[in-house]
Protein backbone atom coordinates (compact mmCIF):
# COMPACT_ATOMS: atom_id res chain seq x y z
CA MET A 1 60.87 122.13 12.50
CA LYS A 2 60.00 120.37 15.32
CA PHE A 3 57.16 117.45 15.84
CA CYS A 4 53.63 118.61 16.87
CA ASP A 5 54.95 122.18 18.12
CA LYS A 6 53.18 125.28 17.78
CA ASP A 7 53.51 125.86 14.07
CA PHE A 8 52.29 122.05 13.73
CA LEU A 9 51.07 122.01 10.33
CA LEU A 10 51.45 125.70 9.34
CA SER A 11 54.52 125.77 6.27
CA ASN A 12 54.38 129.33 5.91
CA ASN A 13 54.53 132.89 7.72
CA VAL A 14 50.77 133.86 6.55
CA ALA A 15 49.28 130.48 7.42
CA ARG A 16 51.21 130.79 11.06
CA GLU A 17 49.60 134.20 11.30
CA LEU A 18 46.23 133.25 10.03
CA TYR A 19 46.25 130.61 12.70
CA HIS A 20 47.47 131.76 15.77
CA GLY A 21 46.16 135.45 15.34
CA THR A 22 42.47 134.29 14.02
CA ALA A 23 41.77 130.55 14.27
CA ALA A 24 43.19 129.29 17.22
CA SER A 25 40.80 131.64 19.35
CA GLN A 26 37.96 130.43 17.68
CA PRO A 27 34.66 128.64 19.90
CA ILE A 28 33.99 125.38 19.10
CA ILE A 29 30.33 123.93 18.38
CA ASP A 30 30.50 120.41 17.70
CA TYR A 31 27.41 119.75 16.22
CA HIS A 32 27.71 116.22 15.33
CA ASN A 33 29.15 113.30 17.88
CA HIS A 34 28.08 110.41 19.82
CA LEU A 35 29.26 111.30 22.86
CA SER A 36 26.90 110.05 26.26
CA PRO A 37 24.40 112.57 27.67
CA LYS A 38 24.88 110.95 31.02
CA ASP A 39 28.18 111.14 31.65
CA LEU A 40 27.88 114.78 30.71
CA ALA A 41 24.85 114.86 33.10
CA GLU A 42 26.55 113.61 35.87
CA ASP A 43 29.94 115.07 35.13
CA LYS A 44 31.51 111.94 35.46
CA GLN A 45 35.06 111.66 36.97
CA PHE A 46 37.39 108.89 35.09
CA GLU A 47 40.01 107.24 36.92
CA ASN A 48 42.32 106.66 34.50
CA ILE A 49 43.09 107.62 30.01
CA HIS A 50 41.67 104.22 29.04
CA GLU A 51 37.80 105.02 29.83
CA PRO A 52 37.93 108.28 27.43
CA TRP A 53 40.65 107.52 24.97
CA LEU A 54 40.28 103.95 24.28
CA GLY A 55 37.15 102.83 25.65
CA GLY A 56 35.05 102.80 23.21
CA ASP A 57 37.60 105.00 20.13
CA HIS A 58 36.80 102.02 17.25
CA TYR A 59 39.77 103.95 15.23
CA LYS A 60 42.55 102.99 17.53
CA TRP A 61 40.89 99.63 18.34
CA ARG A 62 41.38 98.95 14.10
CA ALA A 63 44.96 100.14 14.28
CA MET A 64 45.91 97.70 17.80
CA ARG A 65 44.21 95.00 15.46
CA ALA A 66 46.47 95.82 12.01
CA ASN A 67 49.48 95.91 14.81
CA GLY A 68 48.33 92.20 15.98
CA VAL A 69 46.92 92.68 19.26
CA PRO A 70 44.61 90.21 20.32
CA GLU A 71 41.15 91.69 21.02
CA LYS A 72 41.79 90.27 24.98
CA LEU A 73 43.82 93.61 24.83
CA ILE A 74 41.60 95.72 22.89
CA THR A 75 38.03 94.83 24.04
CA GLY A 76 36.31 92.92 26.12
CA ASN A 77 37.08 92.06 30.25
CA GLU A 78 39.30 89.51 30.20
CA THR A 79 42.13 92.34 30.75
CA SER A 80 42.84 95.20 32.63
CA ALA A 81 42.22 98.91 31.38
CA ARG A 82 46.15 99.12 32.28
CA GLU A 83 47.78 96.73 29.68
CA LYS A 84 45.59 97.74 26.83
CA PHE A 85 46.94 100.89 27.36
CA ASN A 86 50.10 99.54 27.02
CA ALA A 87 48.99 97.75 24.30
CA TRP A 88 47.86 101.24 22.64
CA ALA A 89 50.99 102.48 23.52
CA ALA A 90 53.48 99.36 21.85
CA THR A 91 50.63 100.40 18.83
CA VAL A 92 51.43 103.71 18.63
CA PRO A 93 54.83 103.84 17.21
CA LYS A 94 53.37 101.88 14.51
CA THR A 95 50.69 104.34 13.53
CA LEU A 96 53.18 106.82 11.94
CA ARG A 97 51.96 108.80 9.01
CA ASN A 98 48.30 107.42 10.34
CA PRO A 99 46.44 110.24 11.88
CA LEU A 100 45.87 108.36 15.05
CA PHE A 101 49.68 109.07 15.62
CA HIS A 102 48.52 113.07 15.33
CA TRP A 103 45.48 112.79 17.48
CA SER A 104 47.22 111.11 19.78
CA HIS A 105 50.10 113.21 20.66
CA LEU A 106 47.45 116.45 20.20
CA GLU A 107 45.20 115.13 22.83
CA LEU A 108 47.95 114.81 25.49
CA GLN A 109 49.24 118.05 24.81
CA ARG A 110 46.13 119.49 24.51
CA TYR A 111 44.52 118.43 27.73
CA PHE A 112 47.61 116.90 30.04
CA GLY A 113 50.45 118.80 28.56
CA ILE A 114 52.05 115.93 28.15
CA GLU A 115 54.78 116.31 25.37
CA LYS A 116 56.80 113.08 25.25
CA LEU A 117 56.00 110.51 22.73
CA LEU A 118 54.17 107.67 23.61
CA ASP A 119 55.57 104.27 23.28
CA GLU A 120 56.03 101.23 25.75
CA THR A 121 59.08 103.12 27.36
CA THR A 122 57.43 106.53 28.11
CA ALA A 123 53.89 104.47 28.86
CA LYS A 124 54.06 104.18 32.84
CA GLU A 125 55.09 107.68 33.28
CA ILE A 126 52.32 108.50 30.85
CA TRP A 127 49.56 106.51 32.75
CA GLU A 128 50.56 107.69 35.86
CA GLU A 129 50.95 111.38 35.25
CA THR A 130 47.44 111.27 33.15
CA SER A 131 46.02 109.24 35.93
CA ARG A 132 46.68 111.89 38.54
CA LEU A 133 45.48 114.44 36.23
CA LEU A 134 42.20 112.88 35.57
CA LYS A 135 41.65 112.83 40.00
CA GLN A 136 41.37 116.31 39.81
CA PRO A 137 38.43 118.46 39.39
CA GLY A 138 39.40 120.50 36.38
CA TYR A 139 39.81 117.33 34.45
CA SER A 140 35.72 115.85 35.42
CA VAL A 141 34.24 115.35 31.90
CA ARG A 142 32.80 118.79 31.68
CA GLY A 143 36.27 120.04 32.89
CA LEU A 144 37.82 118.49 29.86
CA ILE A 145 35.10 119.83 27.42
CA GLU A 146 35.78 123.28 29.09
CA LYS A 147 39.43 123.14 28.45
CA MET A 148 38.65 123.12 24.30
CA ASN A 149 36.55 126.53 24.70
CA VAL A 150 33.35 124.88 22.96
CA LYS A 151 30.54 126.73 23.48
CA VAL A 152 27.83 124.07 21.80
CA VAL A 153 27.89 119.90 22.14
CA CYS A 154 25.33 118.10 20.13
CA THR A 155 24.86 114.43 20.75
CA THR A 156 23.03 111.94 18.73
CA ASP A 157 20.13 110.42 20.10
CA ASP A 158 17.15 107.83 19.22
CA PRO A 159 14.03 109.26 18.98
CA ALA A 160 12.55 106.71 21.91
CA ASP A 161 14.76 108.28 24.08
CA ASN A 162 13.36 110.51 27.18
CA LEU A 163 16.06 112.87 26.86
CA GLU A 164 16.37 113.01 30.69
CA TYR A 165 20.04 113.59 31.14
CA HIS A 166 19.74 116.26 28.72
CA LYS A 167 17.16 118.28 30.77
CA ALA A 168 19.53 117.54 33.68
CA ILE A 169 22.62 119.31 32.30
CA LYS A 170 20.26 122.30 31.15
CA LYS A 171 18.86 122.30 34.68
CA SER A 172 22.33 122.53 36.34
CA GLY A 173 23.28 125.71 34.26
CA TRP A 174 26.03 124.81 32.65
CA LYS A 175 27.90 127.04 30.80
CA VAL A 176 28.32 124.89 27.58
CA LYS A 177 25.19 124.13 25.88
CA VAL A 178 24.23 120.71 24.84
CA PHE A 179 21.34 120.23 22.62
CA PRO A 180 20.31 116.61 21.44
CA ALA A 181 19.68 115.36 17.97
CA PHE A 182 17.28 113.29 16.07
CA ARG A 183 18.64 110.15 14.43
CA PRO A 184 15.31 107.81 13.66
CA ASP A 185 17.07 104.86 11.97
CA ASN A 186 15.66 102.27 14.15
CA ALA A 187 12.24 103.34 12.36
CA LEU A 188 13.39 102.06 9.46
CA ARG A 189 14.07 98.36 10.24
CA VAL A 190 11.33 96.56 8.71
CA ASN A 191 14.27 94.07 7.09
CA SER A 192 14.80 93.17 11.01
CA PRO A 193 11.39 92.69 12.47
CA GLU A 194 12.06 91.31 15.81
CA ARG A 195 14.34 94.29 17.10
CA PHE A 196 12.09 96.88 14.91
CA LYS A 197 8.70 95.39 16.84
CA LYS A 198 10.56 96.10 20.22
CA TRP A 199 12.07 99.63 19.03
CA VAL A 200 8.46 100.14 18.10
CA LYS A 201 7.13 99.46 21.60
CA SER A 202 9.90 101.49 22.79
CA LEU A 203 8.85 104.69 20.92
CA SER A 204 4.79 104.11 22.15
CA ASP A 205 6.13 104.19 25.75
CA ALA A 206 8.44 107.51 25.07
CA ALA A 207 5.27 109.13 23.30
CA GLY A 208 2.45 107.85 25.59
CA THR A 209 0.28 107.18 22.29
CA ASN A 210 0.07 103.15 20.44
CA ALA A 211 2.84 103.46 17.83
CA THR A 212 1.57 99.70 16.62
CA THR A 213 -0.96 100.67 13.97
CA PHE A 214 1.09 102.81 10.97
CA LYS A 215 -0.73 106.11 11.73
CA GLY A 216 -0.05 105.89 15.33
CA PHE A 217 3.45 105.45 14.52
CA LEU A 218 4.15 108.77 12.38
CA LYS A 219 1.81 109.99 15.01
CA ALA A 220 4.36 109.29 17.84
CA LEU A 221 7.09 109.99 15.26
CA LYS A 222 6.16 113.73 15.28
CA GLN A 223 5.44 113.64 18.74
CA GLN A 224 8.89 113.00 20.00
CA HIS A 225 10.00 115.44 17.07
CA ASP A 226 8.32 118.09 18.95
CA TYR A 227 9.64 117.02 22.38
CA PHE A 228 13.25 116.85 20.56
CA HIS A 229 12.52 120.76 19.56
CA ALA A 230 11.25 121.45 23.12
CA ASN A 231 14.74 120.03 24.55
CA GLY A 232 16.66 122.29 22.07
CA SER A 233 16.83 119.98 19.41
CA ARG A 234 17.53 121.58 15.74
CA LEU A 235 19.11 118.46 13.72
CA SER A 236 18.18 115.60 12.60
CA ASP A 237 20.77 112.80 11.49
CA HIS A 238 20.63 109.65 8.84
CA GLY A 239 23.23 107.12 8.84
CA LEU A 240 22.23 105.06 5.29
CA ASN A 241 24.17 102.79 2.94
CA GLN A 242 22.06 105.36 0.36
CA MET A 243 18.55 107.17 -0.87
CA PRO A 244 15.85 105.33 -1.30
CA SER A 245 15.09 104.90 -5.33
CA LEU A 246 11.68 103.47 -5.34
CA ASP A 247 8.34 105.51 -4.51
CA CYS A 248 5.71 104.18 -1.77
CA THR A 249 2.26 105.56 -0.86
CA GLU A 250 1.09 105.88 3.18
CA LYS A 251 -1.04 103.00 2.36
CA THR A 252 2.07 100.63 0.61
CA ALA A 253 4.38 101.44 3.51
CA GLY A 254 1.52 101.25 6.10
CA THR A 255 1.24 97.35 4.79
CA ILE A 256 5.22 96.74 5.23
CA PHE A 257 4.93 98.04 8.59
CA ALA A 258 2.17 95.54 9.67
CA ALA A 259 3.89 92.79 8.18
CA ALA A 260 7.68 93.59 9.90
CA LEU A 261 4.94 93.77 13.57
CA LYS A 262 3.81 90.61 12.59
CA GLY A 263 7.32 89.29 12.09
CA LYS A 264 7.70 89.25 8.11
CA ALA A 265 10.85 90.60 6.90
CA ALA A 266 10.95 93.13 4.29
CA SER A 267 12.62 92.50 1.51
CA SER A 268 15.48 94.94 0.07
CA GLU A 269 12.35 96.52 -2.31
CA ASP A 270 10.52 96.98 0.34
CA THR A 271 12.69 98.48 3.05
CA ASP A 272 13.83 100.36 -0.05
CA ARG A 273 10.13 101.50 -0.58
CA PHE A 274 9.97 102.36 3.62
CA THR A 275 12.52 103.90 3.66
CA SER A 276 11.25 106.27 0.99
CA PHE A 277 8.36 107.07 2.90
CA MET A 278 9.50 107.83 5.72
CA MET A 279 12.56 110.21 4.64
CA GLU A 280 10.28 112.17 2.77
CA TYR A 281 8.11 112.47 6.39
CA PHE A 282 11.34 113.00 8.02
CA GLY A 283 12.38 115.55 5.89
CA VAL A 284 8.79 117.75 6.23
CA LEU A 285 8.85 117.27 9.71
CA ASP A 286 12.82 119.12 9.68
CA ALA A 287 11.58 121.94 7.26
CA GLU A 288 8.28 122.60 9.08
CA LYS A 289 10.79 123.42 12.24
CA ASN A 290 13.73 124.89 10.43
CA TRP A 291 15.79 122.24 11.49
CA VAL A 292 19.09 120.77 9.81
CA LYS A 293 18.80 117.89 8.31
CA GLN A 294 22.00 115.52 8.28
CA LEU A 295 22.64 112.95 5.72
CA HIS A 296 25.30 110.52 6.27
CA LEU A 297 25.75 108.20 3.06
CA GLY A 298 28.19 105.38 1.82
CA ALA A 299 29.18 103.23 5.01
CA LEU A 300 29.26 99.39 4.54
CA ARG A 301 28.52 98.43 7.82
CA ASP A 302 29.07 95.41 9.70
CA PRO A 303 31.39 93.54 6.73
CA ASN A 304 32.80 91.11 9.03
CA SER A 305 29.99 88.84 10.25
CA ARG A 306 31.93 87.20 12.69
CA VAL A 307 33.37 90.26 14.64
CA ALA A 308 30.17 91.55 14.23
CA ALA A 309 28.02 88.62 16.09
CA LYS A 310 30.97 88.64 19.28
CA LEU A 311 31.30 92.32 19.50
CA GLY A 312 28.03 93.98 17.83
CA ALA A 313 27.69 97.24 15.77
CA ASP A 314 30.27 100.32 16.38
CA THR A 315 33.62 97.99 17.37
CA GLY A 316 35.57 98.97 13.96
CA CYS A 317 35.16 96.70 11.11
CA ASP A 318 32.79 98.76 9.40
CA THR A 319 34.52 99.97 6.08
CA ILE A 320 34.09 102.51 3.09
CA GLY A 321 30.94 101.09 0.71
CA ASP A 322 30.56 101.85 -3.21
CA PHE A 323 27.15 102.06 -3.22
CA LYS A 324 25.71 104.44 -5.95
CA GLN A 325 24.39 107.83 -4.87
CA GLY A 326 24.00 110.90 -7.04
CA GLN A 327 20.58 110.18 -8.74
CA SER A 328 18.57 108.78 -5.32
CA LEU A 329 20.57 111.91 -3.81
CA ALA A 330 18.84 113.93 -6.21
CA ARG A 331 15.42 112.23 -6.64
CA TYR A 332 15.36 112.90 -2.88
CA LEU A 333 16.23 116.45 -2.34
CA ASP A 334 13.93 116.69 -5.29
CA ARG A 335 10.76 115.68 -4.34
CA LEU A 336 11.29 117.96 -0.67
CA ASP A 337 11.71 120.61 -3.15
CA ARG A 338 8.80 120.44 -5.02
CA ILE A 339 6.64 120.36 -2.35
CA GLY A 340 8.38 123.68 -0.38
CA LYS A 341 9.63 121.20 2.44
CA LEU A 342 13.58 120.64 1.88
CA PRO A 343 14.88 121.79 4.82
CA LYS A 344 18.18 123.21 5.44
CA THR A 345 20.37 119.85 4.79
CA ILE A 346 23.74 118.64 5.02
CA ILE A 347 25.60 115.67 3.15
CA TYR A 348 28.46 113.80 4.03
CA ASN A 349 30.04 111.08 1.39
CA LEU A 350 32.44 108.20 3.10
CA ASN A 351 33.73 107.15 -0.28
CA PRO A 352 36.16 109.69 -1.44
CA ALA A 353 35.12 108.67 -4.99
CA ASP A 354 32.15 110.72 -4.25
CA THR A 355 34.04 114.16 -3.13
CA TYR A 356 32.67 116.08 -6.23
CA LEU A 357 29.33 114.84 -6.86
CA PHE A 358 28.27 116.02 -3.22
CA ALA A 359 30.30 118.91 -3.61
CA GLY A 360 28.34 119.59 -6.59
CA MET A 361 24.79 118.59 -5.79
CA PRO A 362 23.52 121.16 -3.33
CA GLY A 363 24.62 124.26 -5.93
CA SER A 364 21.36 122.53 -7.86
CA PHE A 365 18.65 122.86 -4.75
CA GLN A 366 20.03 126.09 -3.02
CA ASP A 367 17.26 128.44 -3.12
CA GLY A 368 18.73 131.90 -2.35
CA SER A 369 16.09 131.75 1.08
CA SER A 370 19.49 131.25 3.27
CA ALA A 371 23.11 131.24 2.68
CA GLY A 372 24.58 128.04 2.24
CA LYS A 373 21.12 126.54 2.92
CA LEU A 374 22.67 122.88 1.38
CA GLN A 375 26.03 122.10 2.78
CA TYR A 376 28.60 119.48 1.91
CA GLY A 377 29.45 117.91 4.90
CA ALA A 378 33.09 118.07 6.57
CA ALA A 379 35.43 114.99 6.05
CA TRP A 380 33.74 112.26 7.78
CA TRP A 381 34.92 108.98 9.39
CA PHE A 382 37.52 107.47 7.29
CA LEU A 383 37.73 110.81 5.28
CA ASP A 384 38.52 112.98 8.26
CA GLN A 385 42.64 112.88 8.08
CA GLU A 386 44.20 115.50 6.33
CA ASN A 387 44.58 114.62 2.51
CA GLY A 388 40.56 113.92 3.08
CA ILE A 389 39.95 117.41 4.77
CA ARG A 390 42.41 119.36 2.32
CA GLN A 391 40.16 117.37 -0.61
CA GLN A 392 36.75 118.51 1.10
CA LEU A 393 37.96 121.80 1.12
CA ASP A 394 39.25 121.49 -2.23
CA ALA A 395 36.29 120.06 -4.00
CA LEU A 396 33.59 122.74 -1.46
CA SER A 397 35.95 125.55 -2.79
CA ASP A 398 35.53 124.39 -6.23
CA LEU A 399 31.90 123.85 -6.51
CA GLY A 400 30.57 126.21 -3.87
CA LEU A 401 30.80 128.05 -1.19
CA LEU A 402 33.29 127.98 1.47
CA SER A 403 33.22 131.59 2.71
CA ARG A 404 29.58 129.57 3.85
CA PHE A 405 30.70 126.17 5.21
CA VAL A 406 29.38 125.56 8.68
CA GLY A 407 33.01 123.48 9.71
CA MET A 408 34.52 120.97 11.46
CA LEU A 409 32.97 118.10 14.15
CA THR A 410 34.46 115.77 16.02
CA ASP A 411 31.85 112.63 14.93
CA SER A 412 33.64 110.66 18.02
CA ARG A 413 32.67 108.46 21.19
CA SER A 414 35.36 110.16 23.13
CA PHE A 415 35.96 112.99 25.83
CA LEU A 416 39.02 113.66 24.39
CA SER A 417 38.52 114.21 20.75
CA PHE A 418 38.48 118.23 20.07
CA PRO A 419 41.89 118.51 19.10
CA ARG A 420 40.11 117.63 15.55
CA HIS A 421 38.85 121.05 15.45
CA GLU A 422 42.00 122.28 16.02
CA TYR A 423 43.67 119.75 13.36
CA PHE A 424 41.22 121.03 10.75
CA ARG A 425 41.77 124.54 11.25
CA ARG A 426 45.66 124.39 11.21
CA ILE A 427 44.75 122.61 7.59
CA LEU A 428 42.66 125.46 7.06
CA CYS A 429 45.11 127.86 7.43
CA ASP A 430 47.88 126.18 5.87
CA MET A 431 45.66 126.27 2.94
CA LEU A 432 44.92 130.07 2.66
CA GLY A 433 48.41 130.56 3.11
CA LYS A 434 49.70 128.66 0.74
CA ASP A 435 47.27 130.42 -1.68
CA VAL A 436 48.76 133.82 -0.51
CA GLU A 437 52.20 132.78 -0.95
CA SER A 438 51.56 131.68 -4.47
CA GLY A 439 49.41 134.70 -5.35
CA ARG A 440 45.98 132.76 -5.84
CA LEU A 441 44.68 134.80 -3.07
CA PRO A 442 45.22 138.44 -2.30
CA ASP A 443 47.03 139.03 1.09
CA ARG A 444 43.46 140.90 2.04
CA ARG A 445 43.88 140.01 5.95
CA ASP A 446 40.35 141.44 6.42
CA TRP A 447 39.10 139.53 4.28
CA LEU A 448 41.41 135.71 5.35
CA THR A 449 40.08 136.78 9.20
CA ASN A 450 36.98 137.17 8.35
CA LEU A 451 35.96 133.77 6.40
CA LEU A 452 37.84 132.34 9.22
CA GLU A 453 35.62 133.52 12.04
CA ASP A 454 33.01 132.38 9.51
CA VAL A 455 34.08 128.79 8.73
CA CYS A 456 35.29 128.06 12.54
CA TYR A 457 32.38 129.65 14.33
CA ARG A 458 30.09 132.19 13.01
CA ASN A 459 28.50 129.70 10.23
CA ALA A 460 27.37 127.29 12.45
CA LYS A 461 26.56 129.48 15.50
CA ASN A 462 23.85 131.39 12.59
CA TYR A 463 22.97 128.13 10.71
CA PHE A 464 22.09 125.75 13.23
CA GLN A 465 19.99 128.78 15.13
CA PHE A 466 19.92 126.73 18.88
CA PRO A 467 18.06 128.07 21.31
CA ALA A 468 19.41 130.26 24.16
């Protein structure tokens, strides 16, 4: 079998028929990513492949560092985009068996029709060809997304954002729907008072109300939540080490809030208490609007303090944390369930040791009000490679209903990352094909086709209920 050919990852005839006959043609709903709304609104045209491919891709940056590439050829302004691309091209052959090797060549094929392997000998030709194509009208940001049959994109946005670019996109009449997602992580940073104080000022300005009292703070957040809803948002998102474990009253939360605004950093215990109160508050807001809450749990962020101080966050130095997850997650879901305010919720684990814990948790809180109300989310970040995807799908199948799964997402900052949906779909079809071949599943093509159409597209469409 030729590398990365039309039957890539498809090991039997049933898998190939399912993928080419059904999965490949399904539209994409990318309900969680970190794409730039500004670039989408302005329909940015890239000069070369570096910016959309390497400019913010911390997956590739990690691989380059591991390959001994100096930082000046990865980030910063000391070297040219061409030099950084050449450093990546020299790294690619060293990524054998890393998912980056697959993703990179799928991206070159799907967007640019380039089937040559990338290395130092082909770097010049591939740079020149991609640069030529990227200057063509069909290769703007919007053109790149349209090539992948994308119907909906959900960006990740701070509550203090004015959503001007989302409004501009809607006004433009672009056929791809772009909605914001409410990510209020900055509202919890009472342990970083200077940063928190600046953010509260930004929130006040965005909401047009004084957020420097705790009641005003809660009011401003609700107003922005309402504002996001009016602009199409149907999801929230939270990135936490683990769910909080301590109780907190509104009075105590207000005291912690006031102290932070006066410059006193909250202790770890008080940060946990404040987070507990706020997460319940956000849960209620989401439930009242029938939003979907996403909980991304388990990342150990910025463990390398030297690199964090020099380069900042999201530069490829985060890793998998070993935080205890089960009890505090169950406690959070139970608190919202008890008051009738548990929203539709997707939970994502980063530590593979938690895979079956997270796969099993939704079953304890399904209430029959909607199919798959609680979801075990797609393999995330360090787990969104072949083994991680297979393990997530196996765990979901073992302990829940694969047929109700809302499918894959990119979680990416790159406009060239949408072949990850294809990667996922090929793996899913291969698993189903093997089950049919081994007699574990019947060869009922109507059932299998329906499952694939649901998981690849329809479940997400029905679950999120985006506005028309």
